[in-house]
Amino acid sequence: MAAAVKLAVKHLYEQVGEQPIYIVGYSNGGALALNYVLSVIEDPSLPPVKKLV
């Protein structure tokens, strides 16, 4: 599932360009969102996220 989130955010980033990306998650989605944000810290080549809700 974490790989699917990375793929989805990369696709979204290609669509919106430099516009901010906000990730919202509930329950398991919240865990996946947090995991993505932590992945960005480890790998700055991933598209950045403006806010995590």
Protein backbone atom coordinates (compact mmCIF):
# COMPACT_ATOMS: atom_id res chain seq x y z
CA MET A 1 0.00 0.00 0.00
CA ALA A 2 2.84 2.41 0.76
CA ALA A 3 4.13 1.99 -2.79
CA ALA A 4 0.67 2.85 -4.13
CA VAL A 5 0.68 6.09 -2.10
CA LYS A 6 4.09 7.05 -3.50
CA LEU A 7 2.91 6.33 -7.03
CA ALA A 8 -0.30 8.33 -6.50
CA VAL A 9 1.52 11.36 -5.06
CA LYS A 10 4.04 11.32 -7.92
CA HIS A 11 1.17 11.25 -10.43
CA LEU A 12 -0.65 14.05 -8.60
CA TYR A 13 2.53 16.13 -8.51
CA GLU A 14 2.91 15.72 -12.29
CA GLN A 15 -0.67 17.00 -12.71
CA VAL A 16 -0.56 20.00 -10.33
CA GLY A 17 3.08 21.02 -10.63
CA GLU A 18 4.18 23.45 -7.95
CA GLN A 19 0.76 23.80 -6.31
CA PRO A 20 0.72 22.60 -2.67
CA ILE A 21 -0.30 19.02 -1.92
CA TYR A 22 -2.29 18.31 1.23
CA ILE A 23 -2.62 14.71 2.44
CA VAL A 24 -5.62 13.75 4.55
CA GLY A 25 -5.98 10.31 6.06
CA TYR A 26 -8.24 8.51 8.51
CA SER A 27 -7.46 5.21 10.23
CA ASN A 28 -5.19 3.17 7.94
CA GLY A 29 -5.09 6.06 5.49
CA GLY A 30 -3.66 8.24 8.23
CA ALA A 31 -0.88 5.73 8.83
CA LEU A 32 -0.14 5.60 5.10
CA ALA A 33 -0.09 9.41 4.90
CA LEU A 34 2.31 9.67 7.84
CA ASN A 35 4.50 6.96 6.33
CA TYR A 36 4.69 8.95 3.10
CA VAL A 37 5.69 12.15 4.91
CA LEU A 38 8.43 10.27 6.77
CA SER A 39 9.59 8.80 3.45
CA VAL A 40 9.94 12.32 2.03
CA ILE A 41 12.27 13.18 4.93
CA GLU A 42 14.44 10.17 4.09
CA ASP A 43 14.23 10.66 0.30
CA PRO A 44 13.96 14.34 -0.71
CA SER A 45 13.54 13.33 -4.37
CA LEU A 46 9.91 12.40 -3.60
CA PRO A 47 7.30 15.11 -4.24
CA PRO A 48 6.90 17.34 -1.17
CA VAL A 49 3.73 17.64 0.87
CA LYS A 50 2.57 21.03 2.16
CA LYS A 51 0.39 19.76 5.03
CA LEU A 52 -0.64 16.51 6.68
CA VAL A 53 -4.13 16.43 8.19
